[in-house]
Amino acid sequence: MSGDSGDLLPDALQPAHEARAALVASLLESPDERIDEGAEEEWQATIQRRMAEMDFGTVRTISWTYIRARVDQCTRQRKD
C-alpha cells in the first residue's frame, strides 16, 4: 500500500453508501496472512483473569449508559 495511511479513511468515505458497504464486506472477508498461533490461548487467559477480577471486586465496572454518553460527548466535541 502506498501513500499516507491517514488518507485512507477520508478517501474510503467518499463513495456512495453501497460502495462503502461493499468495501467493508471485502475487507472483512479478506484473509489475514499473519496467524498468531498463541492468540486464542492468550485471549482465554485474559478473559479468565478479567472474570476473576470482577468476581473478587478488584475492578469497577462501567455501565453501557455511561460509556455511550461519553462517546456521544466526545463525538460532539470533535464536530465543534
C-alpha atoms as a PDB file:
ATOM      1  CA  MET A   1       0.000   0.000   0.000  1.00  0.00           C
ATOM      2  CA  SER A   2       1.378   3.357  -0.926  1.00  0.00           C
ATOM      3  CA  GLY A   3       0.651   6.855   0.285  1.00  0.00           C
ATOM      4  CA  ASP A   4      -0.167   8.153   3.704  1.00  0.00           C
ATOM      5  CA  SER A   5      -2.398   5.789   5.658  1.00  0.00           C
ATOM      6  CA  GLY A   6      -4.073   8.851   7.174  1.00  0.00           C
ATOM      7  CA  ASP A   7      -5.605   9.477   3.740  1.00  0.00           C
ATOM      8  CA  LEU A   8      -7.315   6.097   3.625  1.00  0.00           C
ATOM      9  CA  LEU A   9     -10.369   6.878   5.742  1.00  0.00           C
ATOM     10  CA  PRO A  10     -11.356  10.150   4.055  1.00  0.00           C
ATOM     11  CA  ASP A  11     -10.878   8.511   0.661  1.00  0.00           C
ATOM     12  CA  ALA A  12     -12.887   5.437   1.700  1.00  0.00           C
ATOM     13  CA  LEU A  13     -15.766   7.595   2.941  1.00  0.00           C
ATOM     14  CA  GLN A  14     -16.191   9.382  -0.402  1.00  0.00           C
ATOM     15  CA  PRO A  15     -18.123   6.733  -2.388  1.00  0.00           C
ATOM     16  CA  ALA A  16     -21.843   6.101  -2.055  1.00  0.00           C
ATOM     17  CA  HIS A  17     -23.163   4.066   0.857  1.00  0.00           C
ATOM     18  CA  GLU A  18     -23.425   0.886  -1.249  1.00  0.00           C
ATOM     19  CA  ALA A  19     -19.807   1.189  -2.377  1.00  0.00           C
ATOM     20  CA  ARG A  20     -18.612   1.718   1.211  1.00  0.00           C
ATOM     21  CA  ALA A  21     -20.628  -1.312   2.356  1.00  0.00           C
ATOM     22  CA  ALA A  22     -19.055  -3.418  -0.386  1.00  0.00           C
ATOM     23  CA  LEU A  23     -15.585  -2.185   0.636  1.00  0.00           C
ATOM     24  CA  VAL A  24     -16.219  -3.103   4.275  1.00  0.00           C
ATOM     25  CA  ALA A  25     -17.516  -6.548   3.314  1.00  0.00           C
ATOM     26  CA  SER A  26     -14.490  -7.102   1.112  1.00  0.00           C
ATOM     27  CA  LEU A  27     -12.088  -6.093   3.885  1.00  0.00           C
ATOM     28  CA  LEU A  28     -13.834  -8.337   6.405  1.00  0.00           C
ATOM     29  CA  GLU A  29     -13.682 -11.287   4.032  1.00  0.00           C
ATOM     30  CA  SER A  30     -10.039 -10.771   3.109  1.00  0.00           C
ATOM     31  CA  PRO A  31      -7.755 -13.262   4.795  1.00  0.00           C
ATOM     32  CA  ASP A  32      -5.232 -12.154   7.350  1.00  0.00           C
ATOM     33  CA  GLU A  33      -1.940 -13.585   6.194  1.00  0.00           C
ATOM     34  CA  ARG A  34      -0.465 -13.454   9.680  1.00  0.00           C
ATOM     35  CA  ILE A  35      -1.583 -16.199  12.032  1.00  0.00           C
ATOM     36  CA  ASP A  36      -0.867 -15.777  15.707  1.00  0.00           C
ATOM     37  CA  GLU A  37      -0.688 -19.319  16.996  1.00  0.00           C
ATOM     38  CA  GLY A  38      -0.933 -18.295  20.659  1.00  0.00           C
ATOM     39  CA  ALA A  39      -3.674 -15.686  20.293  1.00  0.00           C
ATOM     40  CA  GLU A  40      -6.571 -17.940  21.277  1.00  0.00           C
ATOM     41  CA  GLU A  41      -4.853 -19.108  24.450  1.00  0.00           C
ATOM     42  CA  GLU A  42      -3.902 -15.534  25.344  1.00  0.00           C
ATOM     43  CA  TRP A  43      -7.495 -14.356  24.859  1.00  0.00           C
ATOM     44  CA  GLN A  44      -8.788 -17.185  27.042  1.00  0.00           C
ATOM     45  CA  ALA A  45      -6.298 -16.298  29.790  1.00  0.00           C
ATOM     46  CA  THR A  46      -7.279 -12.630  29.575  1.00  0.00           C
ATOM     47  CA  ILE A  47     -10.974 -13.470  29.758  1.00  0.00           C
ATOM     48  CA  GLN A  48     -10.420 -15.721  32.780  1.00  0.00           C
ATOM     49  CA  ARG A  49      -8.339 -13.052  34.520  1.00  0.00           C
ATOM     50  CA  ARG A  50     -10.907 -10.338  33.900  1.00  0.00           C
ATOM     51  CA  MET A  51     -13.756 -12.548  35.085  1.00  0.00           C
ATOM     52  CA  ALA A  52     -11.840 -13.301  38.289  1.00  0.00           C
ATOM     53  CA  GLU A  53     -11.198  -9.579  38.819  1.00  0.00           C
ATOM     54  CA  MET A  54     -14.929  -8.926  38.541  1.00  0.00           C
ATOM     55  CA  ASP A  55     -15.785 -11.850  40.839  1.00  0.00           C
ATOM     56  CA  PHE A  56     -13.372 -10.637  43.524  1.00  0.00           C
ATOM     57  CA  GLY A  57     -14.374  -6.983  43.148  1.00  0.00           C
ATOM     58  CA  THR A  58     -10.874  -5.803  42.289  1.00  0.00           C
ATOM     59  CA  VAL A  59     -12.148  -3.832  39.291  1.00  0.00           C
ATOM     60  CA  ARG A  60     -15.011  -1.408  38.907  1.00  0.00           C
ATOM     61  CA  THR A  61     -17.394  -1.896  36.005  1.00  0.00           C
ATOM     62  CA  ILE A  62     -18.795   0.957  33.950  1.00  0.00           C
ATOM     63  CA  SER A  63     -22.364   0.931  32.665  1.00  0.00           C
ATOM     64  CA  TRP A  64     -23.112   0.982  28.953  1.00  0.00           C
ATOM     65  CA  THR A  65     -25.258   4.094  29.538  1.00  0.00           C
ATOM     66  CA  TYR A  66     -22.234   5.969  30.903  1.00  0.00           C
ATOM     67  CA  ILE A  67     -19.946   4.768  28.109  1.00  0.00           C
ATOM     68  CA  ARG A  68     -22.463   5.712  25.422  1.00  0.00           C
ATOM     69  CA  ALA A  69     -22.886   9.187  26.930  1.00  0.00           C
ATOM     70  CA  ARG A  70     -19.090   9.698  26.943  1.00  0.00           C
ATOM     71  CA  VAL A  71     -18.784   8.534  23.330  1.00  0.00           C
ATOM     72  CA  ASP A  72     -21.587  10.888  22.303  1.00  0.00           C
ATOM     73  CA  GLN A  73     -19.924  13.743  24.202  1.00  0.00           C
ATOM     74  CA  CYS A  74     -16.540  13.124  22.559  1.00  0.00           C
ATOM     75  CA  THR A  75     -18.161  12.857  19.135  1.00  0.00           C
ATOM     76  CA  ARG A  76     -19.955  16.180  19.598  1.00  0.00           C
ATOM     77  CA  GLN A  77     -16.724  17.861  20.774  1.00  0.00           C
ATOM     78  CA  ARG A  78     -14.854  16.688  17.678  1.00  0.00           C
ATOM     79  CA  LYS A  79     -17.534  18.108  15.397  1.00  0.00           C
ATOM     80  CA  ASP A  80     -17.297  21.550  17.033  1.00  0.00           C
END
